[in-house]
């Protein structure tokens, strides 16, 4: 399986979960129908399929995506093969399940699995054809067996080629998007560093302060067990936590002595100014939210 981002893996797990629930509910419903009409062999196959959905769902919920997907793909193959066996061979409409297996399987494993799924499908149909030739299953006529077999091969190969092309193009587009996103994030970071540097040029007393806050914030975040995504958000918030001082008058910001009460009130407004300056930048909203929800680290280390 290709390297997946946490978001992509979560989406695949969610898709697999939905499919398993659909198979489970449909399997139980059809099981009851076949019990009612006394089709015991089909009912038994549906019961086994429904039961196998339970461990597949459990594995997926525990983060064992590949095991769950493999169990699900194997289960679908077995059910499709049994359907052709029970219905009398390659002329059953269930043969159309094999191109769908390839398409659905590509959702589970990515395009690298398509050749394997295609070979497995061809092998499954070859097994059914072997059973027909040797009389283990009894189709209505034998004259059309070759036609159905060749039609199925062509359908599977063309489906595989189409799905391969679609997924390859999708993966290429995703790679370009990730590259553009990384460049954009780096640009944002450099812009924020520039704003912090501009503040340092204006207020020499705080030179290096923002960088120290960033370093200590990220170290503390790791000690708290924050994820790398949260740490990056905290880093951005820490980098510009004093940016509101840009709006403070020079005679207060650069005053050499202590501030009086009125001046302190003006200085304390730098957080309000920062909010007004940056609230329209949606990129930074999560940085502020993360810094607040993870314990107000800025308040702890602000005086470094």
Protein backbone atom coordinates (compact mmCIF):
# COMPACT_ATOMS: atom_id res chain seq x y z
CA UNK A 1 0.00 0.00 0.00
CA UNK A 2 1.26 3.50 -0.83
CA UNK A 3 2.28 5.78 2.04
CA UNK A 4 -0.90 7.40 3.29
CA UNK A 5 -1.43 10.53 5.30
CA UNK A 6 -3.46 10.14 8.52
CA UNK A 7 -6.39 11.81 6.76
CA UNK A 8 -6.25 9.47 3.76
CA UNK A 9 -5.99 6.42 6.03
CA UNK A 10 -8.94 7.64 8.09
CA UNK A 11 -10.99 8.03 4.91
CA UNK A 12 -10.13 4.51 3.76
CA UNK A 13 -11.00 3.08 7.15
CA UNK A 14 -14.31 4.93 7.12
CA UNK A 15 -15.10 3.68 3.60
CA UNK A 16 -14.27 0.10 4.60
CA UNK A 17 -16.43 0.40 7.70
CA UNK A 18 -19.44 1.57 5.66
CA UNK A 19 -18.98 -1.24 3.13
CA UNK A 20 -18.72 -3.86 5.86
CA UNK A 21 -21.89 -2.64 7.53
CA UNK A 22 -23.73 -2.75 4.18
CA UNK A 23 -22.50 -6.30 3.55
CA UNK A 24 -23.41 -7.36 7.09
CA UNK A 25 -26.94 -5.93 7.01
CA UNK A 26 -27.62 -7.24 3.48
CA UNK A 27 -26.15 -10.64 4.38
CA UNK A 28 -28.36 -11.04 7.45
CA UNK A 29 -31.48 -9.96 5.51
CA UNK A 30 -30.77 -12.38 2.65
CA UNK A 31 -29.92 -15.12 5.17
CA UNK A 32 -33.40 -14.80 6.69
CA UNK A 33 -35.01 -14.85 3.23
CA UNK A 34 -33.18 -18.03 2.26
CA UNK A 35 -34.05 -19.65 5.57
CA UNK A 36 -37.69 -18.86 4.81
CA UNK A 37 -37.53 -20.49 1.35
CA UNK A 38 -35.43 -23.36 2.78
CA UNK A 39 -32.40 -22.69 0.57
CA UNK A 40 -30.07 -24.08 3.20
CA UNK A 41 -26.77 -24.03 1.27
CA UNK A 42 -27.12 -20.37 0.25
CA UNK A 43 -28.29 -19.45 3.74
CA UNK A 44 -25.19 -21.09 5.21
CA UNK A 45 -22.89 -19.15 2.84
CA UNK A 46 -24.63 -15.86 3.72
CA UNK A 47 -24.34 -16.63 7.43
CA UNK A 48 -20.59 -17.26 7.13
CA UNK A 49 -20.17 -14.02 5.17
CA UNK A 50 -22.11 -12.05 7.79
CA UNK A 51 -20.12 -13.58 10.64
CA UNK A 52 -16.81 -12.71 8.94
CA UNK A 53 -17.87 -9.07 8.78
CA UNK A 54 -17.70 -8.86 12.57
CA UNK A 55 -13.93 -9.54 12.97
CA UNK A 56 -13.27 -7.36 9.92
CA UNK A 57 -15.11 -4.47 11.57
CA UNK A 58 -13.26 -5.08 14.85
CA UNK A 59 -9.85 -5.11 13.14
CA UNK A 60 -10.67 -1.91 11.28
CA UNK A 61 -11.81 -0.18 14.48
CA UNK A 62 -8.53 -1.19 16.15
CA UNK A 63 -6.49 0.43 13.40
CA UNK A 64 -5.56 -2.84 11.66
CA UNK A 65 -6.72 -1.56 8.31
CA UNK A 66 -4.70 -3.87 6.06
CA UNK A 67 -5.80 -7.02 7.89
CA UNK A 68 -9.43 -5.91 7.78
CA UNK A 69 -9.23 -5.00 4.09
CA UNK A 70 -7.51 -8.30 3.25
CA UNK A 71 -10.18 -10.29 5.10
CA UNK A 72 -12.92 -8.34 3.34
CA UNK A 73 -11.36 -8.83 -0.13
CA UNK A 74 -10.91 -12.57 0.50
CA UNK A 75 -14.49 -12.85 1.69
CA UNK A 76 -15.81 -11.13 -1.44
CA UNK A 77 -13.75 -13.42 -3.68
CA UNK A 78 -15.03 -16.54 -1.93
CA UNK A 79 -18.65 -15.37 -2.11
CA UNK A 80 -18.33 -14.52 -5.81
CA UNK A 81 -16.77 -17.92 -6.58
CA UNK A 82 -19.41 -19.76 -4.57
CA UNK A 83 -22.15 -17.85 -6.38
CA UNK A 84 -20.87 -19.04 -9.78
CA UNK A 85 -20.41 -22.57 -8.46
CA UNK A 86 -23.92 -22.74 -6.98
CA UNK A 87 -25.61 -21.12 -9.98
CA UNK A 88 -24.12 -23.43 -12.59
CA UNK A 89 -21.10 -21.73 -14.07
CA UNK A 90 -19.88 -18.78 -16.07
CA UNK A 91 -23.25 -17.86 -17.60
CA UNK A 92 -24.60 -16.50 -14.33
CA UNK A 93 -24.85 -12.69 -14.10
CA UNK A 94 -22.74 -12.89 -10.94
CA UNK A 95 -19.72 -12.94 -13.21
CA UNK A 96 -20.05 -9.14 -13.28
CA UNK A 97 -18.93 -9.13 -9.64
CA UNK A 98 -15.31 -9.67 -10.67
CA UNK A 99 -14.72 -6.28 -12.33
CA UNK A 100 -16.38 -4.75 -9.25
CA UNK A 101 -13.98 -6.68 -7.02
CA UNK A 102 -11.07 -5.06 -8.85
CA UNK A 103 -12.61 -1.59 -8.57
CA UNK A 104 -13.53 -1.95 -4.90
CA UNK A 105 -10.21 -3.61 -4.10
CA UNK A 106 -8.36 -0.61 -5.52
CA UNK A 107 -10.15 1.51 -2.90
CA UNK A 108 -8.75 -0.78 -0.21
CA UNK A 109 -5.16 -1.14 -1.36
CA UNK A 110 -4.43 1.42 -4.08
CA UNK A 111 -3.46 0.85 -7.70
CA UNK A 112 -0.51 -1.42 -6.90
CA UNK A 113 -2.98 -4.13 -5.94
CA UNK A 114 -4.88 -4.00 -9.24
CA UNK A 115 -2.65 -6.53 -11.11
CA UNK A 116 -2.90 -8.93 -8.15
CA UNK A 117 -6.68 -8.55 -7.99
CA UNK A 118 -6.94 -9.05 -11.74
CA UNK A 119 -4.88 -12.24 -11.66
CA UNK A 120 -6.89 -13.51 -8.70
CA UNK A 121 -10.15 -12.83 -10.56
CA UNK A 122 -8.90 -14.58 -13.70
CA UNK A 123 -7.73 -17.51 -11.58
CA UNK A 124 -11.13 -17.73 -9.90
CA UNK A 125 -12.95 -17.84 -13.21
CA UNK A 126 -10.48 -20.38 -14.55
CA UNK A 127 -11.29 -22.57 -11.54
CA UNK A 128 -15.02 -22.31 -12.27
CA UNK A 129 -14.33 -23.17 -15.92
CA UNK A 130 -12.31 -26.21 -14.81
CA UNK A 131 -15.18 -27.37 -12.62
CA UNK A 132 -17.58 -27.03 -15.55
CA UNK A 133 -15.34 -28.97 -17.93
CA UNK A 134 -14.93 -31.80 -15.45
CA UNK A 135 -18.62 -31.99 -14.67
CA UNK A 136 -18.53 -30.79 -11.07
CA UNK A 137 -21.11 -28.14 -11.97
CA UNK A 138 -23.72 -28.48 -14.68
CA UNK A 139 -24.42 -25.44 -16.88
CA UNK A 140 -27.45 -25.46 -19.16
CA UNK A 141 -25.37 -25.53 -22.36
CA UNK A 142 -21.68 -25.82 -23.08
CA UNK A 143 -21.57 -24.02 -26.42
CA UNK A 144 -21.45 -20.56 -24.93
CA UNK A 145 -18.94 -21.24 -22.15
CA UNK A 146 -15.95 -19.95 -24.13
CA UNK A 147 -17.84 -16.81 -25.09
CA UNK A 148 -18.70 -15.96 -21.49
CA UNK A 149 -15.20 -16.76 -20.31
CA UNK A 150 -13.53 -14.56 -22.95
CA UNK A 151 -16.06 -11.78 -22.36
CA UNK A 152 -15.29 -11.86 -18.68
CA UNK A 153 -11.53 -11.72 -19.35
CA UNK A 154 -11.91 -8.72 -21.64
CA UNK A 155 -14.18 -6.97 -19.14
CA UNK A 156 -11.76 -7.52 -16.26
CA UNK A 157 -8.68 -6.44 -18.20
CA UNK A 158 -10.32 -3.26 -19.51
CA UNK A 159 -11.71 -2.49 -16.05
CA UNK A 160 -8.26 -2.95 -14.54
CA UNK A 161 -6.65 -0.66 -17.11
CA UNK A 162 -9.30 1.99 -16.59
CA UNK A 163 -9.11 1.89 -12.79
CA UNK A 164 -5.28 1.89 -12.92
CA UNK A 165 -5.31 5.03 -15.07
CA UNK A 166 -7.88 6.80 -12.90
CA UNK A 167 -6.07 6.04 -9.64
CA UNK A 168 -2.66 6.92 -11.11
CA UNK A 169 -3.97 10.30 -12.24
CA UNK A 170 -5.65 10.84 -8.87
CA UNK A 171 -2.46 9.99 -6.97
CA UNK A 172 -0.47 12.30 -9.24
CA UNK A 173 -2.91 15.14 -8.58
CA UNK A 174 -2.77 14.49 -4.83
CA UNK A 175 1.04 14.55 -4.93
CA UNK A 176 0.97 17.93 -6.72
CA UNK A 177 -1.53 19.26 -4.18
CA UNK A 178 0.63 18.09 -1.27
CA UNK A 179 3.69 19.71 -2.83
CA UNK A 180 1.83 22.99 -3.36
CA UNK A 181 0.46 22.84 0.18
CA UNK A 182 3.96 22.28 1.61
CA UNK A 183 5.28 25.28 -0.34
CA UNK A 184 2.35 27.41 0.82
CA UNK A 185 2.89 26.42 4.46
CA UNK A 186 6.58 27.27 4.18
CA UNK A 187 5.65 30.66 2.72
CA UNK A 188 3.24 31.25 5.60
CA UNK A 189 5.96 30.32 8.09
CA UNK A 190 8.47 32.70 6.51
CA UNK A 191 5.85 35.46 6.51
CA UNK A 192 5.15 34.94 10.20
CA UNK A 193 8.88 34.95 10.95
CA UNK A 194 9.15 38.21 9.03
CA UNK A 195 6.37 39.76 11.14
CA UNK A 196 8.08 38.61 14.35
CA UNK A 197 11.39 40.01 13.11
CA UNK A 198 9.75 43.32 12.25
CA UNK A 199 8.48 43.56 15.83
CA UNK A 200 11.98 42.85 17.15
CA UNK A 201 13.42 45.65 14.99
CA UNK A 202 10.84 48.03 16.46
CA UNK A 203 11.30 46.87 20.04
CA UNK A 204 14.91 45.90 20.68
CA UNK A 205 14.05 44.88 24.25
CA UNK A 206 12.18 41.83 22.95
CA UNK A 207 14.85 40.75 20.45
CA UNK A 208 14.94 36.95 20.35
CA UNK A 209 11.92 36.77 22.69
CA UNK A 210 9.57 35.28 20.08
CA UNK A 211 12.10 32.62 19.10
CA UNK A 212 12.62 31.64 22.73
CA UNK A 213 8.86 31.39 23.23
CA UNK A 214 8.64 29.18 20.13
CA UNK A 215 11.44 26.88 21.32
CA UNK A 216 10.05 26.46 24.82
CA UNK A 217 6.46 26.11 23.58
CA UNK A 218 7.31 23.30 21.19
CA UNK A 219 9.43 21.53 23.83
CA UNK A 220 6.60 21.78 26.34
CA UNK A 221 4.08 20.63 23.72
CA UNK A 222 6.09 17.47 23.09
CA UNK A 223 6.30 16.80 26.82
CA UNK A 224 2.50 17.12 26.97
CA UNK A 225 2.13 14.55 24.18
CA UNK A 226 0.83 16.88 21.48
CA UNK A 227 0.74 15.59 17.93
CA UNK A 228 3.10 16.99 15.30
CA UNK A 229 0.18 18.84 13.72
CA UNK A 230 -0.66 20.49 17.03
CA UNK A 231 2.99 21.36 17.63
CA UNK A 232 3.17 23.14 14.29
CA UNK A 233 0.04 25.10 15.15
CA UNK A 234 1.46 26.02 18.56
CA UNK A 235 4.72 27.09 16.92
CA UNK A 236 2.89 29.52 14.66
CA UNK A 237 0.87 30.93 17.54
CA UNK A 238 3.95 31.36 19.70
CA UNK A 239 5.88 33.04 16.90
CA UNK A 240 3.43 35.95 16.64
CA UNK A 241 1.97 35.98 20.14
CA UNK A 242 3.20 39.58 20.67
CA UNK A 243 2.41 40.87 17.19
CA UNK A 244 -0.22 43.23 18.65
CA UNK A 245 2.62 45.35 20.08
CA UNK A 246 3.03 46.74 16.56
CA UNK A 247 0.01 48.91 17.36
CA UNK A 248 1.40 50.20 20.68
CA UNK A 249 2.71 53.81 20.52
CA UNK A 250 6.49 54.15 20.52
CA UNK A 251 6.62 56.27 23.68
CA UNK A 252 5.02 53.37 25.59
CA UNK A 253 6.62 50.41 23.81
CA UNK A 254 10.15 51.77 24.10
CA UNK A 255 9.81 53.56 27.42
CA UNK A 256 13.00 52.82 29.42
CA UNK A 257 11.36 52.98 32.85
CA UNK A 258 8.27 51.36 34.40
CA UNK A 259 4.85 52.08 32.91
CA UNK A 260 2.17 54.00 34.78
CA UNK A 261 -1.35 52.62 35.19
CA UNK A 262 -2.70 54.23 32.02
CA UNK A 263 0.26 53.05 29.97
CA UNK A 264 -0.14 49.52 31.35
CA UNK A 265 -3.76 49.47 30.20
CA UNK A 266 -2.67 50.49 26.71
CA UNK A 267 0.11 47.89 26.69
CA UNK A 268 -2.31 45.15 27.79
CA UNK A 269 -4.42 45.90 24.72
CA UNK A 270 -1.75 44.35 22.48
CA UNK A 271 -3.62 41.03 22.65
CA UNK A 272 -6.79 42.75 21.44
CA UNK A 273 -4.86 44.42 18.63
CA UNK A 274 -3.37 41.05 17.66
CA UNK A 275 -6.84 39.54 17.42
CA UNK A 276 -8.05 42.43 15.27
CA UNK A 277 -4.99 42.18 13.03
CA UNK A 278 -5.10 38.42 12.52
CA UNK A 279 -8.73 37.32 13.00
CA UNK A 280 -9.43 37.55 9.27
CA UNK A 281 -6.59 35.11 8.47
CA UNK A 282 -8.30 31.70 8.62
CA UNK A 283 -4.94 29.93 8.37
CA UNK A 284 -4.10 31.11 11.91
CA UNK A 285 -7.41 30.32 13.60
CA UNK A 286 -6.38 26.78 14.49
CA UNK A 287 -3.06 28.01 15.86
CA UNK A 288 -4.82 30.21 18.39
CA UNK A 289 -7.38 27.53 19.24
CA UNK A 290 -4.70 24.87 19.72
CA UNK A 291 -2.55 27.07 21.93
CA UNK A 292 -5.54 27.85 24.15
CA UNK A 293 -6.97 24.33 24.40
CA UNK A 294 -3.58 22.75 25.14
CA UNK A 295 -3.18 24.64 28.38
CA UNK A 296 -2.31 28.27 27.68
CA UNK A 297 1.41 27.63 27.34
CA UNK A 298 2.02 31.22 26.31
CA UNK A 299 0.99 32.39 29.78
CA UNK A 300 3.45 29.97 31.38
CA UNK A 301 6.52 30.94 29.37
CA UNK A 302 5.71 34.47 28.30
CA UNK A 303 8.42 36.02 30.47
CA UNK A 304 11.31 34.01 29.01
